[in-house]
Amino acid sequence: MKYNGIITKPKFEVTDKEVLSLVYTPGVGAACKKIEEDTEKTFDLTNRENSVAVISSNYRKSLERAIFLKSALEIDAYPFEISDDANAENLKFVVENIEPNFCAFDLSLISDLAKKVNFEIEVPVLIEPVSDLKSFFLAVSKNQIGLKIENLSGDLNQKALELRELSGGVIETQLNEEEHVKPVAILSDGSAVLGFGEIGEYAAIPVMEGKAVLFKELGNVDAISLCVKTKESNDIIKIAQLLKNSFSGINLEDIKAPKCFEIEDELKKTMPIPIFHDDQHGTAIVVLAGLLNALSLTDKKIEDVKIVFSGAGAAATAVSKLILNTGVKNIIHTDIDGVLYSGRRNNTKALEELAQLTNPKQVQGTLNDVIKGADVFIGLSAANILTSDMIKHMADKPIVFALANPVPEIMPDEAKDAGAYVVATGRSDYPNQLNNSLAFPGLFKGILESSATQITDEMKLECAFAIASCVKDEELNPNYIIPDALDSAVVDAVSQSVSKR
């Protein structure tokens, strides 16, 4: 049997919301926190212990080597091509920065170049042939075939940890007879992970692995985790550029503002593949889809509503900008310094730009001040920011999107008790989960099928409309404004909406 490629393979089939909550959010947070305390836990709680990076100046040769390692030794080997003009300094830079994802590196295909480098890393680097590859790499596959979710014990977080401890993460690779398609890189520096903030590149890996599962399970798109040590925008850009021929696209993830804007803008200008910052644009697409249906329930026109945000970071900025394209006139953002307005002291360049697009009356004050009379609250900030009293002072039939993860700005039951008409969160264990997985699998599927190299605002709007339309009129109600994250019809609708652009 001749193998021509490698695909990613989830270790668990995501069949329902319980599995989704264990593989991704909110359960993934438990693994993140454990690794934040001890980075060596990446070998226990992710697939790092069996992941080897194969790097050469020719992608096809790297792929052939990776296929050999998988077929002969059951090692999950990932092929990379470093730019053919890369020197020893660049090779050292790339290897040392992507080390957190791998238990070893195979540089035997570029041994002459690799011999010139003194790598300052803690995992093995193969440069010349050895008699026992398996022992050299120290690779161990922990996949537990037949592990049943129902046999896990404890609460959600305990189950999520046990799942990863037994199986070594949630993603692996599989040999494939069909022609190889390069994976999407899920690129992160761990500076803005879920609601935890800057917990680091090692602690971010469980999220990226979970994301790779959703890419594959929902969109049949292969994706790999690529968490990097550097926190500098220019360095992250450089890594992507040096490895650009290794990927079919790049999904930027959990990179804090404002550097996420700088990275995305520069990569879109210089890379020949689609670049997408999911925390920004995936969130924007799904929030707009939910908002369209929620407003339909309240018989309010989008151009007439007052929308108040808690948060003015990357996600909130992208949501705001996309919503403005639909005709909304009155959006107000708040952050840790209060209401955002033009000329506010300590505004960054990004905040000043957002301030000039929003808050038309340039009001000042706090969230408590501007929430009065608001039709919609959108939280992309931190836990427990919104109070019951604030909701009671909103307009008739208030819409509350409390999207901080894993703990929202207000818990859904509390929001409902305070009079919220529609409540949505980012969690899979409550109704109306505004999950980015409704957007990015279908979006990338459509992008790759159409061979597009750019993702436009028009595509994002089409995606939002497609997702909203998946909820039929007779199904629409306050507890069902957005389709289920596991609804396969959503991926098809989104991918088709992108392909036609």
Protein backbone atom coordinates (compact mmCIF):
# COMPACT_ATOMS: atom_id res chain seq x y z
CA MET A 1 0.00 0.00 0.00
CA LYS A 2 1.43 3.38 -1.03
CA TYR A 3 0.76 6.35 1.21
CA ASN A 4 0.79 9.78 -0.36
CA GLY A 5 -0.07 11.97 2.58
CA ILE A 6 -0.72 12.51 6.26
CA ILE A 7 -4.00 13.73 7.74
CA THR A 8 -4.92 14.77 11.23
CA LYS A 9 -7.14 12.42 13.19
CA PRO A 10 -9.10 13.28 16.34
CA LYS A 11 -8.60 10.70 19.07
CA PHE A 12 -12.27 11.13 19.99
CA GLU A 13 -15.27 11.56 17.75
CA VAL A 14 -17.15 14.71 18.73
CA THR A 15 -20.66 13.28 18.71
CA ASP A 16 -22.44 15.52 21.21
CA LYS A 17 -22.05 18.58 23.41
CA GLU A 18 -20.64 16.57 26.30
CA VAL A 19 -17.69 15.42 24.21
CA LEU A 20 -17.32 18.91 22.75
CA SER A 21 -17.16 20.41 26.24
CA LEU A 22 -14.38 17.94 27.18
CA VAL A 23 -12.32 18.25 24.02
CA TYR A 24 -12.70 22.01 23.70
CA THR A 25 -14.35 24.59 25.94
CA PRO A 26 -14.90 24.75 28.87
CA GLY A 27 -13.09 21.51 29.76
CA VAL A 28 -9.89 22.37 27.91
CA GLY A 29 -9.25 25.12 30.44
CA ALA A 30 -8.33 22.56 33.11
CA ALA A 31 -5.43 21.27 31.00
CA CYS A 32 -4.31 24.82 30.24
CA LYS A 33 -4.08 25.68 33.92
CA LYS A 34 -2.19 22.49 34.79
CA ILE A 35 0.37 23.20 32.08
CA GLU A 36 0.68 26.83 33.16
CA GLU A 37 1.79 25.51 36.56
CA ASP A 38 4.21 22.99 35.04
CA THR A 39 5.15 23.13 31.34
CA GLU A 40 6.40 19.52 31.46
CA LYS A 41 2.72 18.54 31.67
CA THR A 42 2.55 19.12 27.89
CA PHE A 43 4.02 15.62 27.59
CA ASP A 44 1.13 14.21 29.65
CA LEU A 45 -1.84 16.32 28.55
CA THR A 46 -1.17 16.88 24.85
CA ASN A 47 0.15 14.79 21.97
CA ARG A 48 3.58 16.42 22.30
CA GLU A 49 5.17 13.20 23.55
CA ASN A 50 4.60 11.59 20.14
CA SER A 51 4.97 14.63 17.87
CA VAL A 52 8.14 15.11 15.81
CA ALA A 53 8.82 18.01 13.45
CA VAL A 54 10.52 17.09 10.17
CA ILE A 55 12.12 20.16 8.61
CA SER A 56 13.85 20.49 5.27
CA SER A 57 14.08 22.95 2.39
CA ASN A 58 11.70 20.80 0.31
CA TYR A 59 8.17 20.08 1.54
CA ARG A 60 7.77 16.90 -0.49
CA LYS A 61 10.93 15.41 1.02
CA SER A 62 9.79 16.38 4.52
CA LEU A 63 6.44 14.72 3.82
CA GLU A 64 8.07 11.51 2.60
CA ARG A 65 10.21 11.40 5.72
CA ALA A 66 7.17 12.03 7.93
CA ILE A 67 5.28 9.21 6.20
CA PHE A 68 8.22 6.88 6.89
CA LEU A 69 8.31 7.81 10.59
CA LYS A 70 4.58 7.23 10.93
CA SER A 71 4.49 3.96 9.01
CA ALA A 72 7.62 2.46 10.56
CA LEU A 73 7.53 3.82 14.10
CA GLU A 74 3.96 5.10 14.71
CA ILE A 75 5.34 8.59 15.34
CA ASP A 76 3.09 11.53 14.57
CA ALA A 77 5.55 13.35 12.33
CA TYR A 78 4.72 16.77 10.87
CA PRO A 79 6.43 17.95 7.67
CA PHE A 80 7.73 21.51 7.35
CA GLU A 81 9.54 23.41 4.64
CA ILE A 82 11.81 26.23 5.68
CA SER A 83 12.54 28.83 3.00
CA ASP A 84 15.32 27.61 0.71
CA ASP A 85 17.30 30.77 1.37
CA ALA A 86 17.17 30.19 5.14
CA ASN A 87 20.53 30.27 6.90
CA ALA A 88 21.71 28.69 10.12
CA GLU A 89 20.47 31.65 12.14
CA ASN A 90 16.96 31.32 10.72
CA LEU A 91 16.88 27.57 11.31
CA LYS A 92 17.92 28.07 14.93
CA PHE A 93 15.27 30.78 15.30
CA VAL A 94 12.44 28.59 13.95
CA VAL A 95 13.37 25.39 15.81
CA GLU A 96 13.79 27.10 19.17
CA ASN A 97 10.51 28.97 18.84
CA ILE A 98 8.32 26.02 17.84
CA GLU A 99 9.91 23.60 20.35
CA PRO A 100 6.88 23.61 22.74
CA ASN A 101 4.85 21.53 20.26
CA PHE A 102 7.29 18.66 19.75
CA CYS A 103 9.19 15.93 21.59
CA ALA A 104 11.98 15.99 18.96
CA PHE A 105 13.14 17.43 15.66
CA ASP A 106 14.27 15.53 12.57
CA LEU A 107 16.72 17.72 10.61
CA SER A 108 18.51 14.85 8.89
CA LEU A 109 17.42 16.11 5.46
CA ILE A 110 19.31 19.37 6.02
CA SER A 111 22.17 17.96 8.07
CA ASP A 112 24.82 20.21 6.53
CA LEU A 113 22.93 23.30 7.63
CA ALA A 114 21.86 21.84 10.99
CA LYS A 115 25.46 20.99 11.91
CA LYS A 116 26.23 24.70 11.95
CA VAL A 117 23.68 25.37 14.70
CA ASN A 118 23.95 25.06 18.45
CA PHE A 119 20.29 24.54 19.34
CA GLU A 120 19.34 25.75 22.81
CA ILE A 121 16.40 23.44 23.39
CA GLU A 122 15.57 20.56 25.72
CA VAL A 123 14.39 17.97 23.19
CA PRO A 124 16.48 15.76 20.86
CA VAL A 125 17.53 17.01 17.42
CA LEU A 126 18.35 14.35 14.82
CA ILE A 127 21.07 15.54 12.44
CA GLU A 128 22.82 12.31 11.43
CA PRO A 129 21.60 8.68 11.26
CA VAL A 130 21.24 6.71 14.50
CA SER A 131 20.70 3.00 15.09
CA ASP A 132 17.47 3.33 17.10
CA LEU A 133 15.25 6.21 15.96
CA LYS A 134 12.41 5.44 18.34
CA SER A 135 14.67 5.59 21.36
CA PHE A 136 16.45 8.67 20.08
CA PHE A 137 13.22 10.62 19.68
CA LEU A 138 11.79 9.35 23.00
CA ALA A 139 8.43 9.34 21.26
CA VAL A 140 5.51 7.57 22.94
CA SER A 141 2.03 7.07 21.52
CA LYS A 142 -0.61 7.02 24.26
CA ASN A 143 -3.74 6.73 22.18
CA GLN A 144 -6.26 4.66 24.14
CA ILE A 145 -8.29 2.79 21.54
CA GLY A 146 -11.84 2.25 22.70
CA LEU A 147 -11.71 4.69 25.61
CA LYS A 148 -15.30 5.51 26.55
CA ILE A 149 -16.25 8.98 27.71
CA GLU A 150 -18.88 7.57 30.05
CA ASN A 151 -16.15 5.74 32.01
CA LEU A 152 -14.45 9.00 33.00
CA SER A 153 -15.07 10.14 36.56
CA GLY A 154 -15.43 13.41 38.44
CA ASP A 155 -16.70 16.81 37.35
CA LEU A 156 -16.20 18.34 33.90
CA ASN A 157 -12.66 19.54 34.58
CA GLN A 158 -11.60 16.25 36.15
CA LYS A 159 -12.98 14.31 33.20
CA ALA A 160 -11.22 16.62 30.73
CA LEU A 161 -7.90 16.05 32.50
CA GLU A 162 -8.35 12.28 32.75
CA LEU A 163 -9.24 12.14 29.06
CA ARG A 164 -5.95 13.83 28.13
CA GLU A 165 -3.82 11.93 30.64
CA LEU A 166 -5.02 8.59 29.29
CA SER A 167 -4.78 9.47 25.63
CA GLY A 168 -2.01 12.03 25.36
CA GLY A 169 -4.11 14.91 24.09
CA VAL A 170 -6.96 14.80 21.62
CA ILE A 171 -5.34 14.79 18.16
CA GLU A 172 -2.93 12.57 16.23
CA THR A 173 -2.04 11.82 12.60
CA GLN A 174 -2.98 9.10 10.15
CA LEU A 175 -1.44 7.95 6.89
CA ASN A 176 -3.51 8.62 3.80
CA GLU A 177 -3.47 7.12 0.30
CA GLU A 178 -4.91 10.25 -1.33
CA GLU A 179 -2.86 13.19 -2.49
CA HIS A 180 -1.60 15.25 0.42
CA VAL A 181 -3.18 18.60 1.28
CA LYS A 182 -1.07 20.88 3.44
CA PRO A 183 -2.62 21.60 6.83
CA VAL A 184 -3.81 24.90 8.26
CA ALA A 185 -1.45 26.17 10.96
CA ILE A 186 -3.14 27.24 14.20
CA LEU A 187 -0.56 29.82 15.20
CA SER A 188 -0.47 31.24 18.73
CA ASP A 189 1.90 32.80 21.25
CA GLY A 190 -0.37 32.07 24.22
CA SER A 191 -0.80 35.74 25.09
CA ALA A 192 -4.61 35.79 25.24
CA VAL A 193 -5.87 32.27 25.90
CA LEU A 194 -9.61 31.90 26.53
CA GLY A 195 -10.46 34.04 29.55
CA PHE A 196 -7.12 33.28 31.21
CA GLY A 197 -5.03 35.89 29.43
CA GLU A 198 -1.28 35.49 28.96
CA ILE A 199 -0.68 31.97 30.25
CA GLY A 200 2.06 31.17 27.74
CA GLU A 201 2.73 29.10 24.67
CA TYR A 202 2.90 25.74 26.46
CA ALA A 203 -0.40 26.23 28.28
CA ALA A 204 -2.04 27.26 24.99
CA ILE A 205 -1.38 23.92 23.27
CA PRO A 206 -4.51 22.12 24.57
CA VAL A 207 -6.67 24.85 23.04
CA MET A 208 -4.92 24.58 19.69
CA GLU A 209 -5.23 20.79 19.72
CA GLY A 210 -8.93 21.11 20.49
CA LYS A 211 -9.23 23.59 17.64
CA ALA A 212 -7.55 21.10 15.31
CA VAL A 213 -10.15 18.50 16.30
CA LEU A 214 -12.96 20.88 15.37
CA PHE A 215 -11.32 21.75 12.05
CA LYS A 216 -11.23 18.07 11.15
CA GLU A 217 -14.48 16.84 12.70
CA LEU A 218 -16.64 19.66 11.41
CA GLY A 219 -14.96 20.84 8.20
CA ASN A 220 -12.72 17.91 7.21
CA VAL A 221 -9.82 20.37 7.21
CA ASP A 222 -6.43 19.22 8.49
CA ALA A 223 -4.87 21.59 11.01
CA ILE A 224 -1.88 21.53 13.36
CA SER A 225 -1.05 23.32 16.59
CA LEU A 226 1.89 25.72 16.30
CA CYS A 227 2.48 27.57 19.56
CA VAL A 228 5.58 29.78 19.53
CA LYS A 229 7.81 31.05 22.32
CA THR A 230 8.35 34.58 21.06
CA LYS A 231 5.91 37.31 22.00
CA GLU A 232 7.23 39.86 19.50
CA SER A 233 5.04 40.70 16.51
CA ASN A 234 7.92 40.83 14.04
CA ASP A 235 9.25 37.46 15.21
CA ILE A 236 5.86 35.76 14.88
CA ILE A 237 5.56 37.22 11.38
CA LYS A 238 9.05 35.97 10.54
CA ILE A 239 8.26 32.42 11.68
CA ALA A 240 5.15 32.31 9.50
CA GLN A 241 7.06 33.67 6.52
CA LEU A 242 9.94 31.22 6.90
CA LEU A 243 7.48 28.29 7.05
CA LYS A 244 4.91 29.65 4.59
CA ASN A 245 5.25 26.72 2.15
CA SER A 246 4.28 24.28 4.92
CA PHE A 247 0.64 25.36 5.18
CA SER A 248 -2.51 25.85 3.13
CA GLY A 249 -3.58 28.69 5.44
CA ILE A 250 -2.91 30.23 8.84
CA ASN A 251 -5.45 30.58 11.62
CA LEU A 252 -4.11 33.06 14.18
CA GLU A 253 -5.33 32.22 17.65
CA ASP A 254 -5.16 33.64 21.17
CA ILE A 255 -2.79 36.51 20.38
CA LYS A 256 -3.53 39.65 22.34
CA ALA A 257 -4.28 43.08 20.91
CA PRO A 258 -2.84 45.22 19.46
CA LYS A 259 -0.12 42.92 18.13
CA CYS A 260 -2.69 40.53 16.64
CA PHE A 261 -3.75 43.37 14.31
CA GLU A 262 -0.15 44.03 13.25
CA ILE A 263 0.56 40.34 12.63
CA GLU A 264 -2.59 39.74 10.63
CA ASP A 265 -2.15 42.87 8.51
CA GLU A 266 1.46 42.09 7.64
CA LEU A 267 0.84 38.41 6.87
CA LYS A 268 -2.12 39.26 4.65
CA LYS A 269 0.18 41.57 2.68
CA THR A 270 3.11 39.18 2.35
CA MET A 271 1.77 35.61 2.40
CA PRO A 272 0.40 33.67 -0.60
CA ILE A 273 -2.13 31.81 1.57
CA PRO A 274 -5.29 32.90 3.45
CA ILE A 275 -4.75 34.44 6.89
CA PHE A 276 -7.55 34.48 9.46
CA HIS A 277 -7.55 35.61 13.08
CA ASP A 278 -10.35 33.51 14.49
CA ASP A 279 -10.59 35.33 17.82
CA GLN A 280 -11.44 38.44 15.83
CA HIS A 281 -13.29 37.40 12.73
CA GLY A 282 -14.69 34.01 13.70
CA THR A 283 -16.19 35.62 16.78
CA ALA A 284 -17.55 38.50 14.70
CA ILE A 285 -19.25 36.17 12.24
CA VAL A 286 -20.96 34.05 14.89
CA VAL A 287 -22.00 37.00 17.08
CA LEU A 288 -23.55 38.75 14.08
CA ALA A 289 -25.41 35.55 13.14
CA GLY A 290 -26.82 35.26 16.66
CA LEU A 291 -27.67 38.95 16.80
CA LEU A 292 -29.62 38.83 13.55
CA ASN A 293 -31.85 36.07 14.88
CA ALA A 294 -32.18 37.57 18.36
CA LEU A 295 -33.31 40.89 16.91
CA SER A 296 -35.79 39.04 14.72
CA LEU A 297 -37.37 37.64 17.89
CA THR A 298 -37.63 41.08 19.49
CA ASP A 299 -39.00 42.74 16.33
CA LYS A 300 -36.23 45.33 16.44
CA LYS A 301 -34.34 46.66 13.41
CA ILE A 302 -30.60 46.44 13.59
CA GLU A 303 -30.15 50.05 12.51
CA ASP A 304 -32.28 51.27 15.45
CA VAL A 305 -30.71 49.42 18.38
CA LYS A 306 -28.23 50.58 20.99
CA ILE A 307 -25.43 48.06 21.51
CA VAL A 308 -23.09 48.22 24.49
CA PHE A 309 -19.87 46.20 24.63
CA SER A 310 -17.87 45.18 27.64
CA GLY A 311 -14.47 44.86 26.04
CA ALA A 312 -12.51 46.70 23.38
CA GLY A 313 -9.87 44.13 22.52
CA ALA A 314 -9.32 42.13 19.35
CA ALA A 315 -12.60 40.20 19.38
CA ALA A 316 -14.77 43.14 20.42
CA THR A 317 -13.17 45.35 17.78
CA ALA A 318 -13.79 42.84 15.01
CA VAL A 319 -17.40 42.23 16.09
CA SER A 320 -18.05 45.95 16.22
CA LYS A 321 -16.57 46.60 12.77
CA LEU A 322 -18.51 43.76 11.15
CA ILE A 323 -21.78 44.82 12.76
CA LEU A 324 -21.25 48.39 11.56
CA ASN A 325 -21.39 47.02 8.01
CA THR A 326 -25.05 46.07 8.62
CA GLY A 327 -26.22 49.61 9.36
CA VAL A 328 -25.93 49.82 13.16
CA LYS A 329 -25.47 53.44 14.23
CA ASN A 330 -25.17 53.35 18.02
CA ILE A 331 -22.38 51.18 19.44
CA ILE A 332 -20.58 52.00 22.69
CA HIS A 333 -17.55 50.15 24.03
CA THR A 334 -16.33 49.98 27.60
CA ASP A 335 -13.13 48.54 28.98
CA ILE A 336 -11.13 48.61 32.20
CA ASP A 337 -10.82 52.40 31.88
CA GLY A 338 -14.56 52.99 31.39
CA VAL A 339 -16.41 54.14 28.30
CA LEU A 340 -14.31 54.36 25.15
CA TYR A 341 -14.41 57.75 23.42
CA SER A 342 -12.18 59.59 20.97
CA GLY A 343 -9.37 61.46 22.64
CA ARG A 344 -9.55 59.45 25.86
CA ARG A 345 -6.27 59.52 27.72
CA ASN A 346 -4.17 56.38 27.26
CA ASN A 347 -6.02 55.28 24.11
CA THR A 348 -3.77 53.12 21.96
CA LYS A 349 -3.78 53.58 18.20
CA ALA A 350 -6.23 50.67 17.88
CA LEU A 351 -8.53 52.00 20.63
CA GLU A 352 -8.57 55.48 19.13
CA GLU A 353 -9.52 54.06 15.75
CA LEU A 354 -12.36 52.08 17.34
CA ALA A 355 -13.47 55.15 19.32
CA GLN A 356 -13.77 57.17 16.13
CA LEU A 357 -15.99 54.49 14.58
CA THR A 358 -18.30 54.14 17.59
CA ASN A 359 -19.90 56.13 20.43
CA PRO A 360 -21.47 58.73 18.08
CA LYS A 361 -22.34 61.12 20.93
CA GLN A 362 -18.92 60.58 22.58
CA VAL A 363 -20.49 59.91 25.97
CA GLN A 364 -18.25 59.20 28.97
CA GLY A 365 -18.68 57.24 32.17
CA THR A 366 -18.83 53.55 33.05
CA LEU A 367 -20.62 50.41 31.91
CA ASN A 368 -23.25 51.09 34.56
CA ASP A 369 -23.92 54.50 32.96
CA VAL A 370 -24.19 53.48 29.31
CA ILE A 371 -26.03 50.18 29.78
CA LYS A 372 -29.19 52.13 30.60
CA GLY A 373 -31.60 51.88 27.70
CA ALA A 374 -29.37 49.51 25.73
CA ASP A 375 -31.07 46.91 23.57
CA VAL A 376 -28.04 44.62 23.38
CA PHE A 377 -25.13 43.80 25.67
CA ILE A 378 -22.14 42.02 24.13
CA GLY A 379 -19.51 40.86 26.60
CA LEU A 380 -16.05 39.95 25.36
CA SER A 381 -14.17 40.78 28.50
CA ALA A 382 -14.07 39.03 31.88
CA ALA A 383 -16.17 37.11 34.36
CA ASN A 384 -18.94 38.75 36.40
CA ILE A 385 -18.73 42.22 34.81
CA LEU A 386 -22.50 42.53 34.23
CA THR A 387 -24.95 42.67 37.15
CA SER A 388 -28.63 41.89 37.44
CA ASP A 389 -29.33 45.53 38.24
CA MET A 390 -27.70 46.62 34.98
CA ILE A 391 -29.94 44.29 32.98
CA LYS A 392 -33.02 45.67 34.73
CA HIS A 393 -32.13 49.12 33.36
CA MET A 394 -31.75 47.96 29.75
CA ALA A 395 -34.46 48.46 27.10
CA ASP A 396 -37.49 46.20 26.66
CA LYS A 397 -36.63 42.59 25.78
CA PRO A 398 -32.89 42.98 26.39
CA ILE A 399 -30.44 40.76 24.57
CA VAL A 400 -27.41 39.61 26.58
CA PHE A 401 -24.43 37.94 24.92
CA ALA A 402 -22.07 37.10 27.81
CA LEU A 403 -19.18 35.51 25.95
CA ALA A 404 -16.21 35.49 28.32
CA ASN A 405 -14.82 31.96 28.67
CA PRO A 406 -14.87 29.83 30.70
CA VAL A 407 -16.82 32.09 33.11
CA PRO A 408 -19.16 34.60 31.39
CA GLU A 409 -19.82 38.22 32.35
CA ILE A 410 -23.03 37.01 34.02
CA MET A 411 -24.33 33.47 34.40
CA PRO A 412 -27.31 32.72 32.14
CA ASP A 413 -29.77 31.88 34.92
CA GLU A 414 -28.98 35.12 36.71
CA ALA A 415 -29.39 37.10 33.49
CA LYS A 416 -32.75 35.48 32.79
CA ASP A 417 -33.96 36.15 36.31
CA ALA A 418 -33.05 39.81 35.84
CA GLY A 419 -35.24 40.05 32.74
CA ALA A 420 -32.97 39.22 29.82
CA TYR A 421 -35.10 38.06 26.88
CA VAL A 422 -32.31 36.28 25.00
CA VAL A 423 -29.10 35.08 26.63
CA ALA A 424 -26.11 33.57 24.83
CA THR A 425 -22.70 32.45 26.06
CA GLY A 426 -19.60 30.86 24.60
CA ARG A 427 -20.12 27.65 26.58
CA SER A 428 -21.39 24.35 25.24
CA ASP A 429 -23.26 23.48 28.44
CA TYR A 430 -25.85 26.30 28.04
CA PRO A 431 -28.36 27.13 25.29
CA ASN A 432 -27.32 29.55 22.54
CA GLN A 433 -23.63 28.79 22.44
CA LEU A 434 -21.98 31.37 20.17
CA ASN A 435 -19.10 29.10 19.27
CA ASN A 436 -16.54 30.04 16.62
CA SER A 437 -16.70 26.44 15.45
CA LEU A 438 -19.86 27.46 13.60
CA ALA A 439 -17.68 29.64 11.37
CA PHE A 440 -14.04 28.64 10.90
CA PRO A 441 -14.41 24.98 9.72
CA GLY A 442 -16.85 25.87 6.95
CA LEU A 443 -15.00 29.07 6.12
CA PHE A 444 -11.66 27.32 5.61
CA LYS A 445 -13.34 24.46 3.79
CA GLY A 446 -14.85 26.91 1.32
CA ILE A 447 -11.64 28.91 1.03
CA LEU A 448 -9.51 25.86 0.29
CA GLU A 449 -12.02 24.43 -2.18
CA SER A 450 -12.16 27.71 -4.08
CA SER A 451 -8.37 28.28 -3.87
CA ALA A 452 -8.94 31.81 -2.59
CA THR A 453 -5.96 33.54 -1.01
CA GLN A 454 -7.80 36.31 0.86
CA ILE A 455 -10.73 36.39 3.29
CA THR A 456 -12.82 39.52 2.72
CA ASP A 457 -15.45 41.37 4.75
CA GLU A 458 -18.04 40.30 2.17
CA MET A 459 -17.18 36.67 2.86
CA LYS A 460 -17.57 37.22 6.61
CA LEU A 461 -20.99 38.80 6.16
CA GLU A 462 -22.10 35.97 3.88
CA CYS A 463 -20.93 33.47 6.51
CA ALA A 464 -22.96 35.22 9.22
CA PHE A 465 -26.10 35.28 7.08
CA ALA A 466 -25.60 31.62 6.17
CA ILE A 467 -25.29 30.59 9.83
CA ALA A 468 -28.33 32.62 10.85
CA SER A 469 -30.39 31.09 8.06
CA CYS A 470 -29.70 27.58 9.37
CA VAL A 471 -32.24 28.27 12.12
CA LYS A 472 -35.66 27.88 10.54
CA ASP A 473 -38.40 30.40 11.35
CA GLU A 474 -40.51 27.78 13.11
CA GLU A 475 -37.53 26.75 15.28
CA LEU A 476 -36.46 30.25 16.33
CA ASN A 477 -37.07 31.01 20.01
CA PRO A 478 -35.20 32.72 22.88
CA ASN A 479 -33.37 29.49 23.71
CA TYR A 480 -32.51 28.69 20.10
CA ILE A 481 -31.14 31.62 18.11
CA ILE A 482 -28.09 29.85 16.69
CA PRO A 483 -27.66 26.36 15.23
CA ASP A 484 -25.93 23.66 17.21
CA ALA A 485 -22.14 23.71 16.93
CA LEU A 486 -22.25 20.11 15.69
CA ASP A 487 -24.87 20.70 12.99
CA SER A 488 -23.23 19.47 9.77
CA ALA A 489 -25.60 21.59 7.68
CA VAL A 490 -23.86 24.71 8.99
CA VAL A 491 -20.48 23.75 7.54
CA ASP A 492 -22.04 23.14 4.14
CA ALA A 493 -23.97 26.42 4.22
CA VAL A 494 -20.89 28.42 5.25
CA SER A 495 -18.51 26.76 2.81
CA GLN A 496 -20.95 27.30 -0.06
CA SER A 497 -21.43 30.95 0.87
CA VAL A 498 -17.64 31.45 0.75
CA SER A 499 -17.07 29.45 -2.43
CA LYS A 500 -19.51 31.61 -4.41
CA ARG A 501 -17.76 34.89 -3.54
